[in-house]
Amino acid sequence: MQWIMGCQGMLPTTLPARVRGSKPAVHARNYHALMPDRTLGSRRIFEGRVFTVRVDDVELESGRRSTREVVEHPGAVGILAWDGERLAFVSQWRQPAARDLLEIPAGTLDPGERPDATARRELAEEMGVAAAHWEAGPAFFTAPGFCSEHLSLFLATDLSEQADAHADDDEAITRSWLTLDEALAAIDDRRIADAKTIAGVLWLARRLRIGSA
């Protein structure tokens, strides 16, 4: 059995058979083929500044017809700005969550903008920082049950101040820096409750600790 370093210590990469259970796993390569939805029609019911909402009429593999409500999102990025000892964070009020959230810097792609360009822009706007070195990290759908948003994580290092950068007029953010251990502790005690931030911090912890092993 192989092991990796997790926020609670060493974790196995595979589970014993008695934990996995006796049912055979569905191979990821074949999973989509088991649930094809054929789109019969589509209509947009809302167009906002950031996203649109559409309703798809679909036919399932069984022949039964149904609808799917889909939030169309242009995509986003999250930035792990690492100075070698600390990680950059912003705190801001999130209306849907009805609370202030501690997050890594992030933002939505502008029309025609590449994710790496968005990452550079957002890091400058939210933290007043530029990075000399960028590395693409994981990318994932944030809520594939109803939303098309695909978020790309980037690791930014060799940081320097960028004095002429400023945040968007409709954003009120507070900047902070945490060590990796402080960030992991904030995940454990639920002070960090933002999914992209949890995913990013855990990925960075794994990358740094495996890289230093």
N, C-alpha and C. Protein backbone atom coordinates (compact mmCIF):
# COMPACT_ATOMS: atom_id res chain seq x y z
N MET A 1 0.85 -1.20 0.00
CA MET A 1 0.00 0.00 0.00
C MET A 1 0.88 1.25 0.00
N GLN A 2 0.55 2.24 -0.84
CA GLN A 2 1.29 3.48 -0.88
C GLN A 2 0.62 4.51 0.01
N TRP A 3 1.41 5.49 0.45
CA TRP A 3 0.90 6.50 1.37
C TRP A 3 1.27 7.88 0.86
N ILE A 4 0.40 8.89 1.19
CA ILE A 4 0.70 10.28 0.90
C ILE A 4 0.51 11.09 2.18
N MET A 5 1.04 12.30 2.19
CA MET A 5 0.89 13.16 3.35
C MET A 5 -0.39 13.97 3.22
N GLY A 6 -1.28 13.86 4.19
CA GLY A 6 -2.50 14.65 4.23
C GLY A 6 -2.46 15.62 5.40
N CYS A 7 -3.51 16.46 5.53
CA CYS A 7 -3.50 17.47 6.58
C CYS A 7 -3.61 16.86 7.96
N GLN A 8 -4.01 15.59 8.05
CA GLN A 8 -4.10 14.92 9.34
C GLN A 8 -3.00 13.87 9.51
N GLY A 9 -1.99 13.89 8.63
CA GLY A 9 -0.92 12.92 8.72
C GLY A 9 -0.86 12.06 7.48
N MET A 10 -0.25 10.87 7.60
CA MET A 10 -0.09 10.00 6.45
C MET A 10 -1.40 9.31 6.11
N LEU A 11 -1.77 9.34 4.82
CA LEU A 11 -3.01 8.75 4.37
C LEU A 11 -2.72 7.74 3.26
N PRO A 12 -3.44 6.60 3.21
CA PRO A 12 -3.21 5.62 2.15
C PRO A 12 -3.80 6.10 0.84
N THR A 13 -3.10 5.81 -0.28
CA THR A 13 -3.63 6.16 -1.59
C THR A 13 -4.73 5.20 -2.03
N THR A 14 -4.76 3.98 -1.48
CA THR A 14 -5.83 3.03 -1.77
C THR A 14 -6.36 2.47 -0.47
N LEU A 15 -7.64 2.10 -0.46
CA LEU A 15 -8.26 1.56 0.75
C LEU A 15 -8.22 0.04 0.71
N PRO A 16 -8.13 -0.60 1.88
CA PRO A 16 -8.20 -2.06 1.90
C PRO A 16 -9.51 -2.55 1.32
N ALA A 17 -9.52 -3.81 0.84
CA ALA A 17 -10.71 -4.37 0.20
C ALA A 17 -11.89 -4.40 1.16
N ARG A 18 -11.63 -4.65 2.45
CA ARG A 18 -12.75 -4.73 3.40
C ARG A 18 -13.40 -3.37 3.61
N VAL A 19 -12.65 -2.26 3.32
CA VAL A 19 -13.23 -0.92 3.43
C VAL A 19 -13.93 -0.55 2.13
N ARG A 20 -13.33 -0.95 1.02
CA ARG A 20 -13.92 -0.60 -0.28
C ARG A 20 -15.26 -1.31 -0.49
N GLY A 21 -15.43 -2.47 0.07
CA GLY A 21 -16.65 -3.23 -0.15
C GLY A 21 -16.48 -4.21 -1.29
N SER A 22 -17.50 -5.03 -1.49
CA SER A 22 -17.39 -6.11 -2.46
C SER A 22 -17.89 -5.73 -3.84
N LYS A 23 -18.60 -4.59 -3.99
CA LYS A 23 -19.14 -4.22 -5.28
C LYS A 23 -18.03 -3.70 -6.19
N PRO A 24 -17.98 -4.13 -7.45
CA PRO A 24 -16.95 -3.64 -8.36
C PRO A 24 -17.14 -2.16 -8.64
N ALA A 25 -16.02 -1.44 -8.76
CA ALA A 25 -16.08 0.00 -9.03
C ALA A 25 -16.37 0.23 -10.51
N VAL A 26 -17.08 1.32 -10.80
CA VAL A 26 -17.32 1.72 -12.18
C VAL A 26 -16.10 2.47 -12.68
N HIS A 27 -15.51 2.01 -13.78
CA HIS A 27 -14.32 2.66 -14.31
C HIS A 27 -14.68 4.05 -14.80
N ALA A 28 -13.85 5.06 -14.45
CA ALA A 28 -14.14 6.44 -14.81
C ALA A 28 -14.30 6.61 -16.32
N ARG A 29 -13.54 5.85 -17.11
CA ARG A 29 -13.59 5.99 -18.56
C ARG A 29 -14.97 5.63 -19.10
N ASN A 30 -15.67 4.71 -18.44
CA ASN A 30 -16.97 4.26 -18.92
C ASN A 30 -18.14 4.94 -18.23
N TYR A 31 -17.87 5.81 -17.29
CA TYR A 31 -18.95 6.35 -16.47
C TYR A 31 -19.91 7.20 -17.28
N HIS A 32 -19.36 8.08 -18.14
CA HIS A 32 -20.24 8.94 -18.92
C HIS A 32 -21.14 8.14 -19.85
N ALA A 33 -20.62 7.03 -20.39
CA ALA A 33 -21.40 6.22 -21.32
C ALA A 33 -22.62 5.60 -20.65
N LEU A 34 -22.62 5.51 -19.32
CA LEU A 34 -23.75 4.90 -18.61
C LEU A 34 -24.93 5.86 -18.46
N MET A 35 -24.69 7.16 -18.62
CA MET A 35 -25.74 8.14 -18.35
C MET A 35 -25.82 9.21 -19.44
N PRO A 36 -26.05 8.84 -20.70
CA PRO A 36 -26.14 9.87 -21.73
C PRO A 36 -27.50 10.57 -21.69
N ASP A 37 -27.48 11.88 -21.70
CA ASP A 37 -28.71 12.67 -21.86
C ASP A 37 -28.68 13.29 -23.26
N ARG A 38 -29.68 13.02 -24.06
CA ARG A 38 -29.75 13.62 -25.39
C ARG A 38 -30.56 14.91 -25.32
N THR A 39 -29.93 16.02 -25.68
CA THR A 39 -30.59 17.32 -25.60
C THR A 39 -31.56 17.48 -26.76
N LEU A 40 -32.82 17.71 -26.43
CA LEU A 40 -33.87 17.88 -27.43
C LEU A 40 -34.12 19.34 -27.74
N GLY A 41 -33.90 20.19 -26.77
CA GLY A 41 -34.11 21.62 -26.95
C GLY A 41 -33.54 22.38 -25.78
N SER A 42 -33.36 23.67 -25.95
CA SER A 42 -32.74 24.47 -24.90
C SER A 42 -33.26 25.89 -24.99
N ARG A 43 -33.47 26.51 -23.82
CA ARG A 43 -33.92 27.90 -23.78
C ARG A 43 -33.29 28.62 -22.59
N ARG A 44 -32.90 29.86 -22.81
CA ARG A 44 -32.33 30.67 -21.74
C ARG A 44 -33.45 31.43 -21.03
N ILE A 45 -33.43 31.34 -19.70
CA ILE A 45 -34.48 32.00 -18.93
C ILE A 45 -33.96 33.18 -18.12
N PHE A 46 -32.63 33.35 -18.08
CA PHE A 46 -32.05 34.49 -17.35
C PHE A 46 -30.68 34.81 -17.93
N GLU A 47 -30.40 36.08 -18.10
CA GLU A 47 -29.08 36.55 -18.53
C GLU A 47 -28.63 37.64 -17.58
N GLY A 48 -27.57 37.36 -16.82
CA GLY A 48 -27.04 38.31 -15.86
C GLY A 48 -25.67 38.83 -16.27
N ARG A 49 -25.07 39.58 -15.38
CA ARG A 49 -23.76 40.18 -15.65
C ARG A 49 -22.66 39.13 -15.66
N VAL A 50 -22.78 38.11 -14.80
CA VAL A 50 -21.73 37.11 -14.66
C VAL A 50 -22.11 35.78 -15.31
N PHE A 51 -23.36 35.38 -15.24
CA PHE A 51 -23.77 34.08 -15.76
C PHE A 51 -25.15 34.14 -16.37
N THR A 52 -25.50 33.08 -17.11
CA THR A 52 -26.85 32.91 -17.64
C THR A 52 -27.41 31.60 -17.12
N VAL A 53 -28.71 31.47 -17.21
CA VAL A 53 -29.38 30.23 -16.80
C VAL A 53 -30.20 29.72 -17.98
N ARG A 54 -30.02 28.44 -18.29
CA ARG A 54 -30.78 27.83 -19.36
C ARG A 54 -31.49 26.58 -18.84
N VAL A 55 -32.53 26.20 -19.55
CA VAL A 55 -33.25 24.96 -19.26
C VAL A 55 -33.16 24.07 -20.49
N ASP A 56 -32.62 22.87 -20.31
CA ASP A 56 -32.51 21.90 -21.39
C ASP A 56 -33.60 20.85 -21.27
N ASP A 57 -34.25 20.54 -22.37
CA ASP A 57 -35.15 19.39 -22.44
C ASP A 57 -34.32 18.21 -22.92
N VAL A 58 -34.30 17.13 -22.15
CA VAL A 58 -33.43 16.00 -22.45
C VAL A 58 -34.21 14.70 -22.48
N GLU A 59 -33.64 13.75 -23.21
CA GLU A 59 -34.16 12.39 -23.22
C GLU A 59 -33.12 11.48 -22.59
N LEU A 60 -33.50 10.72 -21.59
CA LEU A 60 -32.58 9.84 -20.89
C LEU A 60 -32.38 8.54 -21.67
N GLU A 61 -31.42 7.76 -21.25
CA GLU A 61 -31.13 6.48 -21.90
C GLU A 61 -32.35 5.57 -21.88
N SER A 62 -33.17 5.69 -20.84
CA SER A 62 -34.37 4.85 -20.71
C SER A 62 -35.49 5.27 -21.65
N GLY A 63 -35.34 6.45 -22.27
CA GLY A 63 -36.39 6.98 -23.12
C GLY A 63 -37.26 8.01 -22.42
N ARG A 64 -37.16 8.07 -21.10
CA ARG A 64 -37.95 9.05 -20.35
C ARG A 64 -37.42 10.46 -20.61
N ARG A 65 -38.31 11.43 -20.64
CA ARG A 65 -37.92 12.82 -20.89
C ARG A 65 -37.93 13.61 -19.58
N SER A 66 -37.02 14.58 -19.52
CA SER A 66 -36.89 15.38 -18.31
C SER A 66 -36.31 16.75 -18.69
N THR A 67 -36.04 17.56 -17.70
CA THR A 67 -35.41 18.86 -17.92
C THR A 67 -34.19 18.98 -17.04
N ARG A 68 -33.23 19.80 -17.48
CA ARG A 68 -32.03 20.11 -16.71
C ARG A 68 -31.86 21.63 -16.65
N GLU A 69 -31.76 22.16 -15.44
CA GLU A 69 -31.52 23.60 -15.26
C GLU A 69 -30.02 23.81 -15.10
N VAL A 70 -29.44 24.64 -15.96
CA VAL A 70 -27.99 24.79 -16.04
C VAL A 70 -27.60 26.26 -15.90
N VAL A 71 -26.70 26.52 -14.96
CA VAL A 71 -26.08 27.84 -14.84
C VAL A 71 -24.86 27.86 -15.74
N GLU A 72 -24.86 28.73 -16.74
CA GLU A 72 -23.73 28.85 -17.67
C GLU A 72 -22.76 29.89 -17.14
N HIS A 73 -21.54 29.45 -16.85
CA HIS A 73 -20.52 30.32 -16.26
C HIS A 73 -19.29 30.34 -17.16
N PRO A 74 -18.65 31.49 -17.32
CA PRO A 74 -17.51 31.58 -18.25
C PRO A 74 -16.23 30.89 -17.76
N GLY A 75 -16.20 30.49 -16.50
CA GLY A 75 -15.00 29.87 -15.95
C GLY A 75 -14.28 30.81 -15.00
N ALA A 76 -13.39 30.26 -14.19
CA ALA A 76 -12.74 31.06 -13.16
C ALA A 76 -11.36 30.49 -12.84
N VAL A 77 -10.62 31.24 -12.05
CA VAL A 77 -9.30 30.81 -11.59
C VAL A 77 -9.18 31.04 -10.10
N GLY A 78 -8.29 30.29 -9.47
CA GLY A 78 -7.89 30.52 -8.08
C GLY A 78 -6.37 30.53 -8.04
N ILE A 79 -5.80 31.42 -7.24
CA ILE A 79 -4.35 31.60 -7.22
C ILE A 79 -3.78 31.27 -5.86
N LEU A 80 -2.80 30.37 -5.83
CA LEU A 80 -2.05 30.04 -4.62
C LEU A 80 -0.76 30.84 -4.68
N ALA A 81 -0.79 32.03 -4.11
CA ALA A 81 0.38 32.92 -4.12
C ALA A 81 1.24 32.59 -2.91
N TRP A 82 2.39 31.97 -3.15
CA TRP A 82 3.23 31.38 -2.11
C TRP A 82 4.59 32.08 -2.09
N ASP A 83 4.94 32.67 -0.95
CA ASP A 83 6.23 33.38 -0.86
C ASP A 83 7.35 32.51 -0.28
N GLY A 84 7.07 31.23 -0.14
CA GLY A 84 8.04 30.31 0.42
C GLY A 84 7.76 29.98 1.88
N GLU A 85 6.99 30.85 2.54
CA GLU A 85 6.62 30.63 3.95
C GLU A 85 5.14 30.84 4.21
N ARG A 86 4.53 31.72 3.41
CA ARG A 86 3.13 32.07 3.65
C ARG A 86 2.35 32.07 2.34
N LEU A 87 1.03 31.95 2.51
CA LEU A 87 0.10 31.90 1.39
C LEU A 87 -0.85 33.10 1.48
N ALA A 88 -1.13 33.70 0.33
CA ALA A 88 -1.99 34.88 0.28
C ALA A 88 -3.47 34.51 0.38
N PHE A 89 -4.21 35.32 1.16
CA PHE A 89 -5.65 35.13 1.32
C PHE A 89 -6.36 36.48 1.26
N VAL A 90 -7.62 36.42 0.89
CA VAL A 90 -8.49 37.58 0.98
C VAL A 90 -9.75 37.19 1.75
N SER A 91 -10.29 38.14 2.48
CA SER A 91 -11.57 37.96 3.16
C SER A 91 -12.57 38.92 2.53
N GLN A 92 -13.74 38.42 2.21
CA GLN A 92 -14.78 39.28 1.64
C GLN A 92 -16.15 38.70 1.92
N TRP A 93 -17.14 39.59 1.93
CA TRP A 93 -18.52 39.17 2.15
C TRP A 93 -19.02 38.47 0.90
N ARG A 94 -19.63 37.30 1.10
CA ARG A 94 -20.23 36.55 0.01
C ARG A 94 -21.73 36.48 0.24
N GLN A 95 -22.49 37.17 -0.58
CA GLN A 95 -23.93 37.28 -0.38
C GLN A 95 -24.64 35.92 -0.41
N PRO A 96 -24.34 35.02 -1.35
CA PRO A 96 -25.03 33.72 -1.33
C PRO A 96 -24.77 32.92 -0.06
N ALA A 97 -23.57 33.05 0.50
CA ALA A 97 -23.25 32.33 1.73
C ALA A 97 -23.70 33.07 2.98
N ALA A 98 -24.06 34.34 2.81
CA ALA A 98 -24.49 35.19 3.92
C ALA A 98 -23.44 35.25 5.03
N ARG A 99 -22.17 35.31 4.63
CA ARG A 99 -21.10 35.40 5.60
C ARG A 99 -19.81 35.86 4.92
N ASP A 100 -18.88 36.28 5.73
CA ASP A 100 -17.56 36.64 5.27
C ASP A 100 -16.75 35.35 5.09
N LEU A 101 -16.08 35.20 3.94
CA LEU A 101 -15.31 33.99 3.67
C LEU A 101 -13.84 34.31 3.48
N LEU A 102 -13.01 33.42 4.01
CA LEU A 102 -11.56 33.50 3.82
C LEU A 102 -11.20 32.63 2.63
N GLU A 103 -10.61 33.24 1.59
CA GLU A 103 -10.38 32.54 0.34
C GLU A 103 -9.00 32.87 -0.23
N ILE A 104 -8.53 32.02 -1.14
CA ILE A 104 -7.39 32.40 -1.95
C ILE A 104 -7.88 33.41 -2.99
N PRO A 105 -6.98 34.28 -3.51
CA PRO A 105 -7.40 35.19 -4.57
C PRO A 105 -7.98 34.42 -5.75
N ALA A 106 -9.01 34.97 -6.36
CA ALA A 106 -9.71 34.26 -7.42
C ALA A 106 -10.48 35.26 -8.27
N GLY A 107 -10.96 34.80 -9.41
CA GLY A 107 -11.76 35.67 -10.25
C GLY A 107 -12.30 34.95 -11.47
N THR A 108 -13.22 35.63 -12.16
CA THR A 108 -13.90 35.09 -13.33
C THR A 108 -13.20 35.53 -14.60
N LEU A 109 -13.16 34.63 -15.57
CA LEU A 109 -12.56 34.95 -16.86
C LEU A 109 -13.37 36.02 -17.58
N ASP A 110 -12.68 37.03 -18.12
CA ASP A 110 -13.32 37.97 -19.02
C ASP A 110 -13.50 37.31 -20.38
N PRO A 111 -14.41 37.82 -21.22
CA PRO A 111 -14.64 37.21 -22.54
C PRO A 111 -13.33 37.11 -23.34
N GLY A 112 -13.03 35.92 -23.83
CA GLY A 112 -11.84 35.70 -24.64
C GLY A 112 -10.54 35.64 -23.86
N GLU A 113 -10.59 35.70 -22.54
CA GLU A 113 -9.38 35.75 -21.72
C GLU A 113 -8.92 34.33 -21.37
N ARG A 114 -7.60 34.11 -21.45
CA ARG A 114 -7.03 32.83 -21.06
C ARG A 114 -6.97 32.75 -19.53
N PRO A 115 -7.12 31.54 -18.97
CA PRO A 115 -7.06 31.42 -17.50
C PRO A 115 -5.77 31.95 -16.88
N ASP A 116 -4.61 31.75 -17.53
CA ASP A 116 -3.37 32.25 -16.95
C ASP A 116 -3.33 33.77 -16.93
N ALA A 117 -3.93 34.42 -17.94
CA ALA A 117 -4.01 35.88 -17.95
C ALA A 117 -4.94 36.37 -16.85
N THR A 118 -6.06 35.66 -16.65
CA THR A 118 -6.97 36.02 -15.56
C THR A 118 -6.27 35.91 -14.21
N ALA A 119 -5.48 34.87 -14.03
CA ALA A 119 -4.78 34.66 -12.77
C ALA A 119 -3.82 35.82 -12.48
N ARG A 120 -3.08 36.24 -13.47
CA ARG A 120 -2.15 37.36 -13.28
C ARG A 120 -2.90 38.65 -12.93
N ARG A 121 -4.00 38.88 -13.64
CA ARG A 121 -4.79 40.09 -13.39
C ARG A 121 -5.40 40.08 -11.99
N GLU A 122 -5.99 38.96 -11.60
CA GLU A 122 -6.65 38.90 -10.31
C GLU A 122 -5.65 38.99 -9.15
N LEU A 123 -4.47 38.39 -9.29
CA LEU A 123 -3.47 38.48 -8.22
C LEU A 123 -3.04 39.93 -8.03
N ALA A 124 -2.87 40.65 -9.13
CA ALA A 124 -2.50 42.06 -9.03
C ALA A 124 -3.61 42.89 -8.41
N GLU A 125 -4.85 42.63 -8.83
CA GLU A 125 -5.98 43.42 -8.34
C GLU A 125 -6.28 43.15 -6.87
N GLU A 126 -6.25 41.89 -6.47
CA GLU A 126 -6.70 41.54 -5.12
C GLU A 126 -5.59 41.61 -4.08
N MET A 127 -4.33 41.37 -4.49
CA MET A 127 -3.23 41.35 -3.51
C MET A 127 -2.17 42.42 -3.78
N GLY A 128 -2.24 43.10 -4.93
CA GLY A 128 -1.19 44.05 -5.28
C GLY A 128 0.15 43.37 -5.47
N VAL A 129 0.13 42.18 -6.05
CA VAL A 129 1.32 41.34 -6.15
C VAL A 129 1.45 40.82 -7.58
N ALA A 130 2.69 40.70 -8.05
CA ALA A 130 3.01 40.03 -9.30
C ALA A 130 3.88 38.83 -8.99
N ALA A 131 3.89 37.86 -9.89
CA ALA A 131 4.69 36.65 -9.71
C ALA A 131 5.56 36.41 -10.93
N ALA A 132 6.82 36.05 -10.69
CA ALA A 132 7.74 35.76 -11.79
C ALA A 132 7.59 34.34 -12.29
N HIS A 133 7.05 33.45 -11.46
CA HIS A 133 6.92 32.05 -11.85
C HIS A 133 5.50 31.57 -11.61
N TRP A 134 4.95 30.92 -12.65
CA TRP A 134 3.58 30.40 -12.57
C TRP A 134 3.57 28.92 -12.92
N GLU A 135 2.75 28.17 -12.21
CA GLU A 135 2.60 26.74 -12.47
C GLU A 135 1.12 26.39 -12.46
N ALA A 136 0.68 25.71 -13.49
CA ALA A 136 -0.72 25.28 -13.55
C ALA A 136 -0.94 24.13 -12.59
N GLY A 137 -1.99 24.23 -11.79
CA GLY A 137 -2.35 23.18 -10.85
C GLY A 137 -3.60 22.45 -11.32
N PRO A 138 -4.35 21.85 -10.41
CA PRO A 138 -5.56 21.12 -10.79
C PRO A 138 -6.61 22.05 -11.39
N ALA A 139 -7.51 21.49 -12.16
CA ALA A 139 -8.66 22.20 -12.70
C ALA A 139 -9.88 21.30 -12.53
N PHE A 140 -11.02 21.90 -12.21
CA PHE A 140 -12.18 21.08 -11.87
C PHE A 140 -13.47 21.86 -12.04
N PHE A 141 -14.57 21.13 -12.18
CA PHE A 141 -15.89 21.73 -12.16
C PHE A 141 -16.30 21.96 -10.71
N THR A 142 -16.75 23.15 -10.41
CA THR A 142 -17.04 23.49 -9.01
C THR A 142 -18.38 22.95 -8.53
N ALA A 143 -19.37 22.87 -9.41
CA ALA A 143 -20.70 22.36 -9.03
C ALA A 143 -21.36 21.76 -10.25
N PRO A 144 -20.86 20.61 -10.75
CA PRO A 144 -21.32 20.07 -12.04
C PRO A 144 -22.76 19.59 -12.05
N GLY A 145 -23.40 19.51 -10.90
CA GLY A 145 -24.80 19.12 -10.88
C GLY A 145 -25.71 20.16 -11.48
N PHE A 146 -25.28 21.43 -11.52
CA PHE A 146 -26.16 22.46 -12.06
C PHE A 146 -25.40 23.61 -12.73
N CYS A 147 -24.06 23.63 -12.65
CA CYS A 147 -23.30 24.78 -13.12
C CYS A 147 -22.13 24.33 -13.99
N SER A 148 -21.86 25.08 -15.06
CA SER A 148 -20.78 24.74 -15.99
C SER A 148 -19.43 25.33 -15.58
N GLU A 149 -19.37 26.05 -14.47
CA GLU A 149 -18.12 26.71 -14.08
C GLU A 149 -16.97 25.70 -13.97
N HIS A 150 -15.89 25.99 -14.67
CA HIS A 150 -14.67 25.19 -14.62
C HIS A 150 -13.57 26.10 -14.08
N LEU A 151 -12.97 25.69 -12.96
CA LEU A 151 -12.01 26.54 -12.26
C LEU A 151 -10.61 25.95 -12.35
N SER A 152 -9.65 26.78 -12.71
CA SER A 152 -8.25 26.37 -12.82
C SER A 152 -7.45 26.99 -11.68
N LEU A 153 -6.66 26.16 -11.00
CA LEU A 153 -5.78 26.64 -9.95
C LEU A 153 -4.38 26.88 -10.50
N PHE A 154 -3.74 27.93 -9.98
CA PHE A 154 -2.37 28.26 -10.37
C PHE A 154 -1.54 28.52 -9.11
N LEU A 155 -0.32 28.02 -9.15
CA LEU A 155 0.65 28.32 -8.10
C LEU A 155 1.53 29.46 -8.58
N ALA A 156 1.57 30.54 -7.82
CA ALA A 156 2.36 31.73 -8.16
C ALA A 156 3.47 31.89 -7.13
N THR A 157 4.72 31.97 -7.60
CA THR A 157 5.87 32.11 -6.71
C THR A 157 6.80 33.21 -7.24
N ASP A 158 7.88 33.47 -6.48
CA ASP A 158 8.78 34.60 -6.79
C ASP A 158 7.96 35.88 -6.86
N LEU A 159 7.36 36.23 -5.73
CA LEU A 159 6.41 37.33 -5.68
C LEU A 159 7.10 38.67 -5.49
N SER A 160 6.46 39.72 -6.02
CA SER A 160 6.93 41.09 -5.82
C SER A 160 5.72 42.02 -5.80
N GLU A 161 5.87 43.17 -5.19
CA GLU A 161 4.76 44.12 -5.10
C GLU A 161 4.48 44.74 -6.46
N GLN A 162 3.20 45.02 -6.69
CA GLN A 162 2.77 45.72 -7.90
C GLN A 162 1.91 46.88 -7.45
N ALA A 163 2.53 48.02 -7.29
CA ALA A 163 1.91 49.14 -6.59
C ALA A 163 0.73 49.75 -7.33
N ASP A 164 0.67 49.65 -8.65
CA ASP A 164 -0.39 50.34 -9.39
C ASP A 164 -1.66 49.52 -9.52
N ALA A 165 -1.69 48.32 -8.95
CA ALA A 165 -2.88 47.48 -9.05
C ALA A 165 -3.93 47.91 -8.04
N HIS A 166 -5.20 47.69 -8.37
CA HIS A 166 -6.28 48.01 -7.45
C HIS A 166 -7.43 47.04 -7.65
N ALA A 167 -8.18 46.79 -6.58
CA ALA A 167 -9.31 45.86 -6.64
C ALA A 167 -10.49 46.49 -7.37
N ASP A 168 -11.44 45.66 -7.79
CA ASP A 168 -12.65 46.16 -8.44
C ASP A 168 -13.42 47.06 -7.49
N ASP A 169 -14.16 48.01 -8.08
CA ASP A 169 -14.89 48.99 -7.27
C ASP A 169 -15.99 48.33 -6.42
N ASP A 170 -16.53 47.19 -6.88
CA ASP A 170 -17.62 46.55 -6.14
C ASP A 170 -17.12 45.47 -5.19
N GLU A 171 -15.81 45.41 -4.93
CA GLU A 171 -15.25 44.44 -4.01
C GLU A 171 -14.62 45.14 -2.81
N ALA A 172 -14.98 44.69 -1.62
CA ALA A 172 -14.37 45.17 -0.38
C ALA A 172 -13.65 43.98 0.24
N ILE A 173 -12.33 43.94 0.10
CA ILE A 173 -11.58 42.77 0.54
C ILE A 173 -10.54 43.17 1.58
N THR A 174 -10.22 42.22 2.44
CA THR A 174 -9.15 42.36 3.42
C THR A 174 -8.08 41.33 3.10
N ARG A 175 -6.83 41.78 2.97
CA ARG A 175 -5.74 40.89 2.62
C ARG A 175 -5.10 40.30 3.87
N SER A 176 -4.61 39.06 3.75
CA SER A 176 -3.88 38.44 4.85
C SER A 176 -2.94 37.38 4.29
N TRP A 177 -2.01 36.94 5.13
CA TRP A 177 -1.06 35.90 4.76
C TRP A 177 -1.01 34.87 5.88
N LEU A 178 -1.10 33.59 5.53
CA LEU A 178 -1.06 32.50 6.50
C LEU A 178 0.03 31.52 6.13
N THR A 179 0.65 30.93 7.14
CA THR A 179 1.54 29.81 6.86
C THR A 179 0.70 28.62 6.41
N LEU A 180 1.35 27.62 5.84
CA LEU A 180 0.61 26.45 5.39
C LEU A 180 -0.05 25.73 6.56
N ASP A 181 0.65 25.62 7.68
CA ASP A 181 0.06 24.98 8.85
C ASP A 181 -1.15 25.76 9.36
N GLU A 182 -1.07 27.09 9.33
CA GLU A 182 -2.21 27.92 9.76
C GLU A 182 -3.40 27.72 8.81
N ALA A 183 -3.13 27.63 7.51
CA ALA A 183 -4.20 27.43 6.55
C ALA A 183 -4.86 26.06 6.73
N LEU A 184 -4.05 25.03 6.97
CA LEU A 184 -4.61 23.70 7.20
C LEU A 184 -5.45 23.67 8.48
N ALA A 185 -4.99 24.36 9.51
CA ALA A 185 -5.75 24.43 10.76
C ALA A 185 -7.07 25.15 10.54
N ALA A 186 -7.06 26.19 9.69
CA ALA A 186 -8.29 26.93 9.40
C ALA A 186 -9.29 26.08 8.62
N ILE A 187 -8.79 25.14 7.82
CA ILE A 187 -9.70 24.19 7.16
C ILE A 187 -10.30 23.24 8.19
N ASP A 188 -9.46 22.72 9.08
CA ASP A 188 -9.93 21.76 10.08
C ASP A 188 -10.99 22.36 11.00
N ASP A 189 -10.81 23.63 11.38
CA ASP A 189 -11.79 24.22 12.31
C ASP A 189 -12.88 25.02 11.60
N ARG A 190 -12.93 24.87 10.28
CA ARG A 190 -14.01 25.41 9.44
C ARG A 190 -13.99 26.92 9.31
N ARG A 191 -12.89 27.56 9.65
CA ARG A 191 -12.78 28.99 9.34
C ARG A 191 -12.66 29.19 7.83
N ILE A 192 -12.05 28.25 7.15
CA ILE A 192 -12.06 28.23 5.68
C ILE A 192 -13.17 27.29 5.26
N ALA A 193 -14.18 27.85 4.57
CA ALA A 193 -15.34 27.07 4.15
C ALA A 193 -15.59 27.21 2.65
N ASP A 194 -14.58 27.63 1.93
CA ASP A 194 -14.69 27.83 0.48
C ASP A 194 -14.03 26.66 -0.23
N ALA A 195 -14.77 26.03 -1.17
CA ALA A 195 -14.32 24.77 -1.76
C ALA A 195 -13.02 24.91 -2.55
N LYS A 196 -12.91 25.94 -3.39
CA LYS A 196 -11.69 26.08 -4.20
C LYS A 196 -10.48 26.30 -3.31
N THR A 197 -10.68 27.01 -2.20
CA THR A 197 -9.57 27.28 -1.28
C THR A 197 -9.14 26.00 -0.58
N ILE A 198 -10.11 25.20 -0.13
CA ILE A 198 -9.78 23.92 0.50
C ILE A 198 -9.02 23.03 -0.48
N ALA A 199 -9.53 22.93 -1.72
CA ALA A 199 -8.87 22.11 -2.72
C ALA A 199 -7.46 22.60 -3.00
N GLY A 200 -7.31 23.91 -3.12
CA GLY A 200 -6.00 24.47 -3.44
C GLY A 200 -4.99 24.30 -2.32
N VAL A 201 -5.40 24.56 -1.10
CA VAL A 201 -4.49 24.42 0.04
C VAL A 201 -4.04 22.97 0.21
N LEU A 202 -4.97 22.04 0.10
CA LEU A 202 -4.62 20.63 0.25
C LEU A 202 -3.70 20.17 -0.88
N TRP A 203 -3.95 20.65 -2.09
CA TRP A 203 -3.06 20.30 -3.20
C TRP A 203 -1.66 20.85 -2.96
N LEU A 204 -1.58 22.11 -2.52
CA LEU A 204 -0.27 22.71 -2.27
C LEU A 204 0.46 21.99 -1.15
N ALA A 205 -0.25 21.62 -0.09
CA ALA A 205 0.38 20.89 1.02
C ALA A 205 0.95 19.58 0.53
N ARG A 206 0.19 18.86 -0.27
CA ARG A 206 0.66 17.58 -0.81
C ARG A 206 1.87 17.81 -1.72
N ARG A 207 1.80 18.80 -2.59
CA ARG A 207 2.89 19.06 -3.52
C ARG A 207 4.17 19.42 -2.79
N LEU A 208 4.08 20.31 -1.81
CA LEU A 208 5.28 20.76 -1.10
C LEU A 208 5.88 19.65 -0.25
N ARG A 209 5.04 18.89 0.39
CA ARG A 209 5.56 17.85 1.31
C ARG A 209 6.10 16.65 0.55
N ILE A 210 5.47 16.30 -0.56
CA ILE A 210 6.03 15.21 -1.36
C ILE A 210 7.32 15.68 -2.03
N GLY A 211 7.34 16.95 -2.47
CA GLY A 211 8.53 17.47 -3.12
C GLY A 211 9.73 17.58 -2.21
N SER A 212 9.47 17.73 -0.90
CA SER A 212 10.57 17.86 0.04
C SER A 212 10.96 16.53 0.67
N ALA A 213 10.23 15.45 0.33
CA ALA A 213 10.50 14.13 0.92
C ALA A 213 11.78 13.53 0.36
